[in-house]
PDB file of all heavy atoms in Angstrom:
ATOM      1  N   VAL A   1      -2.896  19.149 -10.765  1.00  0.00           N
ATOM      2  CA  VAL A   1      -1.915  18.157 -10.320  1.00  0.00           C
ATOM      3  C   VAL A   1      -0.702  18.861  -9.717  1.00  0.00           C
ATOM      4  O   VAL A   1      -0.165  18.433  -8.684  1.00  0.00           O
ATOM      5  CB  VAL A   1      -1.482  17.258 -11.501  1.00  0.00           C
ATOM      6  CG1 VAL A   1      -0.347  16.327 -11.073  1.00  0.00           C
ATOM      7  CG2 VAL A   1      -2.665  16.460 -12.023  1.00  0.00           C
ATOM      8  N   GLY A   2      -0.289  19.960 -10.351  1.00  0.00           N
ATOM      9  CA  GLY A   2       0.834  20.731  -9.817  1.00  0.00           C
ATOM     10  C   GLY A   2       0.541  21.277  -8.428  1.00  0.00           C
ATOM     11  O   GLY A   2       1.421  21.309  -7.563  1.00  0.00           O
ATOM     12  N   THR A   3      -0.703  21.690  -8.210  1.00  0.00           N
ATOM     13  CA  THR A   3      -1.095  22.189  -6.889  1.00  0.00           C
ATOM     14  C   THR A   3      -0.973  21.090  -5.845  1.00  0.00           C
ATOM     15  O   THR A   3      -0.486  21.314  -4.730  1.00  0.00           O
ATOM     16  CB  THR A   3      -2.538  22.712  -6.929  1.00  0.00           C
ATOM     17  OG1 THR A   3      -2.637  23.765  -7.898  1.00  0.00           O
ATOM     18  CG2 THR A   3      -2.962  23.229  -5.565  1.00  0.00           C
ATOM     19  N   SER A   4      -1.403  19.878  -6.202  1.00  0.00           N
ATOM     20  CA  SER A   4      -1.301  18.765  -5.259  1.00  0.00           C
ATOM     21  C   SER A   4       0.156  18.423  -4.964  1.00  0.00           C
ATOM     22  O   SER A   4       0.510  18.057  -3.836  1.00  0.00           O
ATOM     23  CB  SER A   4      -2.045  17.543  -5.797  1.00  0.00           C
ATOM     24  OG  SER A   4      -1.422  17.038  -6.964  1.00  0.00           O
ATOM     25  N   VAL A   5       1.031  18.554  -5.980  1.00  0.00           N
ATOM     26  CA  VAL A   5       2.464  18.326  -5.773  1.00  0.00           C
ATOM     27  C   VAL A   5       3.017  19.361  -4.793  1.00  0.00           C
ATOM     28  O   VAL A   5       3.833  19.034  -3.916  1.00  0.00           O
ATOM     29  CB  VAL A   5       3.222  18.397  -7.107  1.00  0.00           C
ATOM     30  CG1 VAL A   5       4.736  18.381  -6.866  1.00  0.00           C
ATOM     31  CG2 VAL A   5       2.829  17.239  -8.007  1.00  0.00           C
ATOM     32  N   ALA A   6       2.561  20.600  -4.912  1.00  0.00           N
ATOM     33  CA  ALA A   6       3.007  21.643  -3.991  1.00  0.00           C
ATOM     34  C   ALA A   6       2.575  21.332  -2.557  1.00  0.00           C
ATOM     35  O   ALA A   6       3.319  21.600  -1.601  1.00  0.00           O
ATOM     36  CB  ALA A   6       2.439  22.997  -4.429  1.00  0.00           C
ATOM     37  N   LEU A   7       1.409  20.743  -2.401  1.00  0.00           N
ATOM     38  CA  LEU A   7       0.947  20.365  -1.063  1.00  0.00           C
ATOM     39  C   LEU A   7       1.804  19.252  -0.470  1.00  0.00           C
ATOM     40  O   LEU A   7       2.100  19.243   0.723  1.00  0.00           O
ATOM     41  CB  LEU A   7      -0.516  19.925  -1.122  1.00  0.00           C
ATOM     42  CG  LEU A   7      -1.530  21.032  -1.465  1.00  0.00           C
ATOM     43  CD1 LEU A   7      -2.920  20.443  -1.628  1.00  0.00           C
ATOM     44  CD2 LEU A   7      -1.536  22.097  -0.371  1.00  0.00           C
ATOM     45  N   VAL A   8       2.227  18.318  -1.329  1.00  0.00           N
ATOM     46  CA  VAL A   8       3.136  17.264  -0.864  1.00  0.00           C
ATOM     47  C   VAL A   8       4.469  17.880  -0.449  1.00  0.00           C
ATOM     48  O   VAL A   8       5.058  17.494   0.574  1.00  0.00           O
ATOM     49  CB  VAL A   8       3.351  16.200  -1.962  1.00  0.00           C
ATOM     50  CG1 VAL A   8       4.460  15.230  -1.569  1.00  0.00           C
ATOM     51  CG2 VAL A   8       2.066  15.447  -2.227  1.00  0.00           C
ATOM     52  N   ALA A   9       4.939  18.850  -1.232  1.00  0.00           N
ATOM     53  CA  ALA A   9       6.197  19.529  -0.888  1.00  0.00           C
ATOM     54  C   ALA A   9       6.067  20.243   0.452  1.00  0.00           C
ATOM     55  O   ALA A   9       7.019  20.253   1.259  1.00  0.00           O
ATOM     56  CB  ALA A   9       6.564  20.521  -1.988  1.00  0.00           C
ATOM     57  N   LEU A  10       4.903  20.820   0.713  1.00  0.00           N
ATOM     58  CA  LEU A  10       4.665  21.477   2.003  1.00  0.00           C
ATOM     59  C   LEU A  10       4.732  20.463   3.140  1.00  0.00           C
ATOM     60  O   LEU A  10       5.333  20.721   4.187  1.00  0.00           O
ATOM     61  CB  LEU A  10       3.306  22.164   1.985  1.00  0.00           C
ATOM     62  CG  LEU A  10       2.852  22.818   3.303  1.00  0.00           C
ATOM     63  CD1 LEU A  10       3.836  23.910   3.716  1.00  0.00           C
ATOM     64  CD2 LEU A  10       1.436  23.381   3.156  1.00  0.00           C
ATOM     65  N   ALA A  11       4.109  19.299   2.924  1.00  0.00           N
ATOM     66  CA  ALA A  11       4.154  18.249   3.946  1.00  0.00           C
ATOM     67  C   ALA A  11       5.584  17.788   4.190  1.00  0.00           C
ATOM     68  O   ALA A  11       5.998  17.552   5.334  1.00  0.00           O
ATOM     69  CB  ALA A  11       3.279  17.069   3.519  1.00  0.00           C
ATOM     70  N   ALA A  12       6.364  17.666   3.110  1.00  0.00           N
ATOM     71  CA  ALA A  12       7.760  17.259   3.242  1.00  0.00           C
ATOM     72  C   ALA A  12       8.566  18.319   3.993  1.00  0.00           C
ATOM     73  O   ALA A  12       9.437  17.983   4.821  1.00  0.00           O
ATOM     74  CB  ALA A  12       8.369  17.018   1.862  1.00  0.00           C
ATOM     75  N   LEU A  13       8.273  19.589   3.727  1.00  0.00           N
ATOM     76  CA  LEU A  13       8.974  20.674   4.425  1.00  0.00           C
ATOM     77  C   LEU A  13       8.677  20.643   5.920  1.00  0.00           C
ATOM     78  O   LEU A  13       9.572  20.820   6.760  1.00  0.00           O
ATOM     79  CB  LEU A  13       8.568  22.016   3.824  1.00  0.00           C
ATOM     80  CG  LEU A  13       9.172  23.268   4.487  1.00  0.00           C
ATOM     81  CD1 LEU A  13      10.696  23.237   4.366  1.00  0.00           C
ATOM     82  CD2 LEU A  13       8.602  24.532   3.867  1.00  0.00           C
ATOM     83  N   ILE A  14       7.411  20.398   6.253  1.00  0.00           N
ATOM     84  CA  ILE A  14       7.028  20.309   7.669  1.00  0.00           C
ATOM     85  C   ILE A  14       7.749  19.142   8.339  1.00  0.00           C
ATOM     86  O   ILE A  14       8.270  19.271   9.453  1.00  0.00           O
ATOM     87  CB  ILE A  14       5.502  20.152   7.799  1.00  0.00           C
ATOM     88  CG1 ILE A  14       4.801  21.438   7.337  1.00  0.00           C
ATOM     89  CG2 ILE A  14       5.107  19.809   9.236  1.00  0.00           C
ATOM     90  CD1 ILE A  14       3.297  21.316   7.268  1.00  0.00           C
ATOM     91  N   ALA A  15       7.786  18.000   7.654  1.00  0.00           N
ATOM     92  CA  ALA A  15       8.473  16.828   8.199  1.00  0.00           C
ATOM     93  C   ALA A  15       9.960  17.123   8.410  1.00  0.00           C
ATOM     94  O   ALA A  15      10.561  16.690   9.407  1.00  0.00           O
ATOM     95  CB  ALA A  15       8.294  15.635   7.268  1.00  0.00           C
ATOM     96  N   TYR A  16      10.568  17.877   7.471  1.00  0.00           N
ATOM     97  CA  TYR A  16      11.985  18.217   7.593  1.00  0.00           C
ATOM     98  C   TYR A  16      12.234  19.184   8.744  1.00  0.00           C
ATOM     99  O   TYR A  16      13.149  18.987   9.555  1.00  0.00           O
ATOM    100  CB  TYR A  16      12.463  18.829   6.274  1.00  0.00           C
ATOM    101  CG  TYR A  16      13.895  19.318   6.322  1.00  0.00           C
ATOM    102  CD1 TYR A  16      14.958  18.408   6.268  1.00  0.00           C
ATOM    103  CD2 TYR A  16      14.174  20.672   6.433  1.00  0.00           C
ATOM    104  CE1 TYR A  16      16.276  18.855   6.319  1.00  0.00           C
ATOM    105  CE2 TYR A  16      15.479  21.133   6.485  1.00  0.00           C
ATOM    106  CZ  TYR A  16      16.524  20.219   6.430  1.00  0.00           C
ATOM    107  OH  TYR A  16      17.807  20.664   6.489  1.00  0.00           O
ATOM    108  N   ARG A  17      11.397  20.217   8.845  1.00  0.00           N
ATOM    109  CA  ARG A  17      11.581  21.217   9.897  1.00  0.00           C
ATOM    110  C   ARG A  17      11.353  20.634  11.285  1.00  0.00           C
ATOM    111  O   ARG A  17      11.985  21.054  12.250  1.00  0.00           O
ATOM    112  CB  ARG A  17      10.634  22.396   9.652  1.00  0.00           C
ATOM    113  CG  ARG A  17      10.930  23.207   8.395  1.00  0.00           C
ATOM    114  CD  ARG A  17      12.251  23.954   8.517  1.00  0.00           C
ATOM    115  NE  ARG A  17      12.243  24.913   9.597  1.00  0.00           N
ATOM    116  CZ  ARG A  17      11.822  26.177   9.480  1.00  0.00           C
ATOM    117  NH1 ARG A  17      11.401  26.612   8.292  1.00  0.00           N
ATOM    118  NH2 ARG A  17      11.843  26.999  10.499  1.00  0.00           N
ATOM    119  N   GLN A  18      10.452  19.661  11.360  1.00  0.00           N
ATOM    120  CA  GLN A  18      10.160  19.032  12.649  1.00  0.00           C
ATOM    121  C   GLN A  18      11.088  17.858  12.954  1.00  0.00           C
ATOM    122  O   GLN A  18      10.939  17.201  13.981  1.00  0.00           O
ATOM    123  CB  GLN A  18       8.707  18.551  12.667  1.00  0.00           C
ATOM    124  CG  GLN A  18       7.672  19.658  12.598  1.00  0.00           C
ATOM    125  CD  GLN A  18       7.739  20.594  13.787  1.00  0.00           C
ATOM    126  OE1 GLN A  18       7.872  20.148  14.923  1.00  0.00           O
ATOM    127  NE2 GLN A  18       7.638  21.890  13.530  1.00  0.00           N
ATOM    128  N   ARG A  19      12.032  17.601  12.050  1.00  0.00           N
ATOM    129  CA  ARG A  19      13.017  16.534  12.226  1.00  0.00           C
ATOM    130  C   ARG A  19      12.345  15.177  12.494  1.00  0.00           C
ATOM    131  O   ARG A  19      12.716  14.450  13.421  1.00  0.00           O
ATOM    132  CB  ARG A  19      13.978  16.881  13.365  1.00  0.00           C
ATOM    133  CG  ARG A  19      14.767  18.155  13.112  1.00  0.00           C
ATOM    134  CD  ARG A  19      15.716  18.453  14.242  1.00  0.00           C
ATOM    135  NE  ARG A  19      16.465  19.688  13.985  1.00  0.00           N
ATOM    136  CZ  ARG A  19      17.352  20.201  14.839  1.00  0.00           C
ATOM    137  NH1 ARG A  19      17.612  19.572  15.976  1.00  0.00           N
ATOM    138  NH2 ARG A  19      17.984  21.327  14.534  1.00  0.00           N
ATOM    139  N   LEU A  20      11.382  14.867  11.657  1.00  0.00           N
ATOM    140  CA  LEU A  20      10.653  13.605  11.798  1.00  0.00           C
ATOM    141  C   LEU A  20      11.376  12.447  11.122  1.00  0.00           C
ATOM    142  O   LEU A  20      10.957  11.295  11.275  1.00  0.00           O
ATOM    143  CB  LEU A  20       9.248  13.745  11.208  1.00  0.00           C
ATOM    144  CG  LEU A  20       8.358  14.840  11.815  1.00  0.00           C
ATOM    145  CD1 LEU A  20       6.999  14.854  11.125  1.00  0.00           C
ATOM    146  CD2 LEU A  20       8.198  14.638  13.310  1.00  0.00           C
ATOM    147  N   HIS A  21      12.412  12.756  10.337  1.00  0.00           N
ATOM    148  CA  HIS A  21      13.172  11.746   9.591  1.00  0.00           C
ATOM    149  C   HIS A  21      12.259  10.959   8.641  1.00  0.00           C
ATOM    150  O   HIS A  21      12.425   9.751   8.463  1.00  0.00           O
ATOM    151  CB  HIS A  21      13.884  10.786  10.549  1.00  0.00           C
ATOM    152  CG  HIS A  21      14.784  11.474  11.539  1.00  0.00           C
ATOM    153  ND1 HIS A  21      15.954  12.096  11.155  1.00  0.00           N
ATOM    154  CD2 HIS A  21      14.657  11.666  12.880  1.00  0.00           C
ATOM    155  CE1 HIS A  21      16.535  12.631  12.233  1.00  0.00           C
ATOM    156  NE2 HIS A  21      15.770  12.387  13.281  1.00  0.00           N
ATOM    157  N   LEU A  22      11.297  11.668   8.083  1.00  0.00           N
ATOM    158  CA  LEU A  22      10.367  11.050   7.135  1.00  0.00           C
ATOM    159  C   LEU A  22      10.344  11.767   5.791  1.00  0.00           C
ATOM    160  O   LEU A  22       9.602  11.373   4.899  1.00  0.00           O
ATOM    161  CB  LEU A  22       8.943  11.047   7.713  1.00  0.00           C
ATOM    162  CG  LEU A  22       8.665  10.105   8.889  1.00  0.00           C
ATOM    163  CD1 LEU A  22       7.258  10.346   9.423  1.00  0.00           C
ATOM    164  CD2 LEU A  22       8.821   8.653   8.453  1.00  0.00           C
ATOM    165  N   THR A  23      11.135  12.810   5.655  1.00  0.00           N
ATOM    166  CA  THR A  23      11.076  13.623   4.440  1.00  0.00           C
ATOM    167  C   THR A  23      11.410  12.805   3.198  1.00  0.00           C
ATOM    168  O   THR A  23      10.662  12.826   2.202  1.00  0.00           O
ATOM    169  CB  THR A  23      12.062  14.804   4.550  1.00  0.00           C
ATOM    170  OG1 THR A  23      11.778  15.536   5.752  1.00  0.00           O
ATOM    171  CG2 THR A  23      11.921  15.719   3.340  1.00  0.00           C
ATOM    172  N   ARG A  24      12.507  12.078   3.239  1.00  0.00           N
ATOM    173  CA  ARG A  24      12.915  11.282   2.082  1.00  0.00           C
ATOM    174  C   ARG A  24      11.869  10.212   1.765  1.00  0.00           C
ATOM    175  O   ARG A  24      11.500  10.016   0.604  1.00  0.00           O
ATOM    176  CB  ARG A  24      14.277  10.635   2.351  1.00  0.00           C
ATOM    177  CG  ARG A  24      14.831   9.814   1.189  1.00  0.00           C
ATOM    178  CD  ARG A  24      16.261   9.378   1.500  1.00  0.00           C
ATOM    179  NE  ARG A  24      16.799   8.570   0.415  1.00  0.00           N
ATOM    180  CZ  ARG A  24      16.667   7.254   0.335  1.00  0.00           C
ATOM    181  NH1 ARG A  24      15.994   6.601   1.289  1.00  0.00           N
ATOM    182  NH2 ARG A  24      17.185   6.573  -0.679  1.00  0.00           N
ATOM    183  N   GLU A  25      11.382   9.534   2.805  1.00  0.00           N
ATOM    184  CA  GLU A  25      10.391   8.485   2.591  1.00  0.00           C
ATOM    185  C   GLU A  25       9.098   9.063   2.023  1.00  0.00           C
ATOM    186  O   GLU A  25       8.468   8.459   1.146  1.00  0.00           O
ATOM    187  CB  GLU A  25      10.104   7.774   3.918  1.00  0.00           C
ATOM    188  CG  GLU A  25       9.204   6.562   3.788  1.00  0.00           C
ATOM    189  CD  GLU A  25       9.060   5.814   5.096  1.00  0.00           C
ATOM    190  OE1 GLU A  25       9.804   6.132   6.045  1.00  0.00           O
ATOM    191  OE2 GLU A  25       8.202   4.923   5.158  1.00  0.00           O
ATOM    192  N   LEU A  26       8.710  10.248   2.500  1.00  0.00           N
ATOM    193  CA  LEU A  26       7.489  10.893   2.004  1.00  0.00           C
ATOM    194  C   LEU A  26       7.622  11.247   0.527  1.00  0.00           C
ATOM    195  O   LEU A  26       6.708  10.999  -0.268  1.00  0.00           O
ATOM    196  CB  LEU A  26       7.210  12.140   2.844  1.00  0.00           C
ATOM    197  CG  LEU A  26       5.836  12.818   2.715  1.00  0.00           C
ATOM    198  CD1 LEU A  26       5.537  13.576   4.009  1.00  0.00           C
ATOM    199  CD2 LEU A  26       5.777  13.761   1.541  1.00  0.00           C
ATOM    200  N   LEU A  27       8.761  11.823   0.139  1.00  0.00           N
ATOM    201  CA  LEU A  27       8.958  12.222  -1.259  1.00  0.00           C
ATOM    202  C   LEU A  27       9.038  10.997  -2.173  1.00  0.00           C
ATOM    203  O   LEU A  27       8.487  11.007  -3.285  1.00  0.00           O
ATOM    204  CB  LEU A  27      10.226  13.061  -1.378  1.00  0.00           C
ATOM    205  CG  LEU A  27      10.176  14.443  -0.703  1.00  0.00           C
ATOM    206  CD1 LEU A  27      11.538  15.122  -0.782  1.00  0.00           C
ATOM    207  CD2 LEU A  27       9.094  15.315  -1.341  1.00  0.00           C
ATOM    208  N   ILE A  28       9.726   9.954  -1.709  1.00  0.00           N
ATOM    209  CA  ILE A  28       9.819   8.731  -2.516  1.00  0.00           C
ATOM    210  C   ILE A  28       8.438   8.106  -2.687  1.00  0.00           C
ATOM    211  O   ILE A  28       8.078   7.661  -3.788  1.00  0.00           O
ATOM    212  CB  ILE A  28      10.790   7.734  -1.854  1.00  0.00           C
ATOM    213  CG1 ILE A  28      12.223   8.265  -1.954  1.00  0.00           C
ATOM    214  CG2 ILE A  28      10.680   6.358  -2.518  1.00  0.00           C
ATOM    215  CD1 ILE A  28      13.245   7.402  -1.236  1.00  0.00           C
ATOM    216  N   ALA A  29       7.655   8.092  -1.609  1.00  0.00           N
ATOM    217  CA  ALA A  29       6.313   7.517  -1.684  1.00  0.00           C
ATOM    218  C   ALA A  29       5.446   8.285  -2.676  1.00  0.00           C
ATOM    219  O   ALA A  29       4.706   7.695  -3.473  1.00  0.00           O
ATOM    220  CB  ALA A  29       5.664   7.518  -0.301  1.00  0.00           C
ATOM    221  N   ALA A  30       5.530   9.624  -2.638  1.00  0.00           N
ATOM    222  CA  ALA A  30       4.731  10.446  -3.546  1.00  0.00           C
ATOM    223  C   ALA A  30       5.154  10.218  -5.000  1.00  0.00           C
ATOM    224  O   ALA A  30       4.304  10.070  -5.890  1.00  0.00           O
ATOM    225  CB  ALA A  30       4.866  11.922  -3.173  1.00  0.00           C
ATOM    226  N   ALA A  31       6.485  10.196  -5.244  1.00  0.00           N
ATOM    227  CA  ALA A  31       6.971   9.973  -6.609  1.00  0.00           C
ATOM    228  C   ALA A  31       6.596   8.583  -7.104  1.00  0.00           C
ATOM    229  O   ALA A  31       6.166   8.403  -8.255  1.00  0.00           O
ATOM    230  CB  ALA A  31       8.483  10.163  -6.649  1.00  0.00           C
ATOM    231  N   ARG A  32       6.735   7.597  -6.236  1.00  0.00           N
ATOM    232  CA  ARG A  32       6.405   6.228  -6.618  1.00  0.00           C
ATOM    233  C   ARG A  32       4.920   6.092  -6.936  1.00  0.00           C
ATOM    234  O   ARG A  32       4.544   5.435  -7.912  1.00  0.00           O
ATOM    235  CB  ARG A  32       6.793   5.285  -5.484  1.00  0.00           C
ATOM    236  CG  ARG A  32       6.457   3.832  -5.736  1.00  0.00           C
ATOM    237  CD  ARG A  32       6.966   2.956  -4.609  1.00  0.00           C
ATOM    238  NE  ARG A  32       6.501   1.587  -4.762  1.00  0.00           N
ATOM    239  CZ  ARG A  32       6.830   0.581  -3.969  1.00  0.00           C
ATOM    240  NH1 ARG A  32       7.649   0.810  -2.947  1.00  0.00           N
ATOM    241  NH2 ARG A  32       6.367  -0.629  -4.180  1.00  0.00           N
ATOM    242  N   ALA A  33       4.084   6.738  -6.114  1.00  0.00           N
ATOM    243  CA  ALA A  33       2.644   6.676  -6.356  1.00  0.00           C
ATOM    244  C   ALA A  33       2.283   7.280  -7.701  1.00  0.00           C
ATOM    245  O   ALA A  33       1.470   6.739  -8.455  1.00  0.00           O
ATOM    246  CB  ALA A  33       1.894   7.388  -5.233  1.00  0.00           C
ATOM    247  N   GLY A  34       2.912   8.427  -8.030  1.00  0.00           N
ATOM    248  CA  GLY A  34       2.614   9.066  -9.304  1.00  0.00           C
ATOM    249  C   GLY A  34       2.996   8.197 -10.487  1.00  0.00           C
ATOM    250  O   GLY A  34       2.220   8.028 -11.436  1.00  0.00           O
ATOM    251  N   VAL A  35       4.207   7.621 -10.429  1.00  0.00           N
ATOM    252  CA  VAL A  35       4.666   6.757 -11.522  1.00  0.00           C
ATOM    253  C   VAL A  35       3.775   5.524 -11.646  1.00  0.00           C
ATOM    254  O   VAL A  35       3.386   5.112 -12.747  1.00  0.00           O
ATOM    255  CB  VAL A  35       6.137   6.350 -11.301  1.00  0.00           C
ATOM    256  CG1 VAL A  35       6.574   5.301 -12.318  1.00  0.00           C
ATOM    257  CG2 VAL A  35       7.044   7.577 -11.389  1.00  0.00           C
ATOM    258  N   GLN A  36       3.464   4.919 -10.503  1.00  0.00           N
ATOM    259  CA  GLN A  36       2.631   3.715 -10.517  1.00  0.00           C
ATOM    260  C   GLN A  36       1.249   4.003 -11.096  1.00  0.00           C
ATOM    261  O   GLN A  36       0.716   3.206 -11.891  1.00  0.00           O
ATOM    262  CB  GLN A  36       2.486   3.152  -9.098  1.00  0.00           C
ATOM    263  CG  GLN A  36       3.746   2.497  -8.574  1.00  0.00           C
ATOM    264  CD  GLN A  36       3.626   2.023  -7.140  1.00  0.00           C
ATOM    265  OE1 GLN A  36       4.535   1.382  -6.608  1.00  0.00           O
ATOM    266  NE2 GLN A  36       2.527   2.344  -6.494  1.00  0.00           N
ATOM    267  N   LEU A  37       0.661   5.111 -10.718  1.00  0.00           N
ATOM    268  CA  LEU A  37      -0.685   5.434 -11.190  1.00  0.00           C
ATOM    269  C   LEU A  37      -0.695   5.693 -12.692  1.00  0.00           C
ATOM    270  O   LEU A  37      -1.624   5.278 -13.390  1.00  0.00           O
ATOM    271  CB  LEU A  37      -1.238   6.641 -10.422  1.00  0.00           C
ATOM    272  CG  LEU A  37      -1.641   6.368  -8.979  1.00  0.00           C
ATOM    273  CD1 LEU A  37      -2.002   7.666  -8.261  1.00  0.00           C
ATOM    274  CD2 LEU A  37      -2.835   5.399  -8.930  1.00  0.00           C
ATOM    275  N   VAL A  38       0.315   6.391 -13.188  1.00  0.00           N
ATOM    276  CA  VAL A  38       0.384   6.641 -14.629  1.00  0.00           C
ATOM    277  C   VAL A  38       0.543   5.322 -15.385  1.00  0.00           C
ATOM    278  O   VAL A  38      -0.131   5.074 -16.400  1.00  0.00           O
ATOM    279  CB  VAL A  38       1.555   7.595 -14.957  1.00  0.00           C
ATOM    280  CG1 VAL A  38       1.770   7.667 -16.461  1.00  0.00           C
ATOM    281  CG2 VAL A  38       1.271   8.980 -14.398  1.00  0.00           C
ATOM    282  N   ALA A  39       1.429   4.448 -14.883  1.00  0.00           N
ATOM    283  CA  ALA A  39       1.652   3.156 -15.537  1.00  0.00           C
ATOM    284  C   ALA A  39       0.399   2.292 -15.492  1.00  0.00           C
ATOM    285  O   ALA A  39      -0.002   1.686 -16.502  1.00  0.00           O
ATOM    286  CB  ALA A  39       2.815   2.424 -14.866  1.00  0.00           C
ATOM    287  N   VAL A  40      -0.235   2.243 -14.325  1.00  0.00           N
ATOM    288  CA  VAL A  40      -1.456   1.441 -14.189  1.00  0.00           C
ATOM    289  C   VAL A  40      -2.575   2.000 -15.054  1.00  0.00           C
ATOM    290  O   VAL A  40      -3.346   1.253 -15.659  1.00  0.00           O
ATOM    291  CB  VAL A  40      -1.889   1.383 -12.710  1.00  0.00           C
ATOM    292  CG1 VAL A  40      -3.291   0.792 -12.576  1.00  0.00           C
ATOM    293  CG2 VAL A  40      -0.899   0.564 -11.907  1.00  0.00           C
ATOM    294  N   GLY A  41      -2.655   3.336 -15.130  1.00  0.00           N
ATOM    295  CA  GLY A  41      -3.675   3.949 -15.979  1.00  0.00           C
ATOM    296  C   GLY A  41      -3.522   3.527 -17.436  1.00  0.00           C
ATOM    297  O   GLY A  41      -4.518   3.237 -18.116  1.00  0.00           O
TER     298      GLY A  41
END
């Protein structure tokens, strides 16, 4: 799971470096998905 989190961080870094203005939305989506999945589980 930690490895997958690192991959999300890499995607967020790419979005930030490319100035896509999606970094915050990407991180929030990933965090929200994790919380939702744990709760639903």
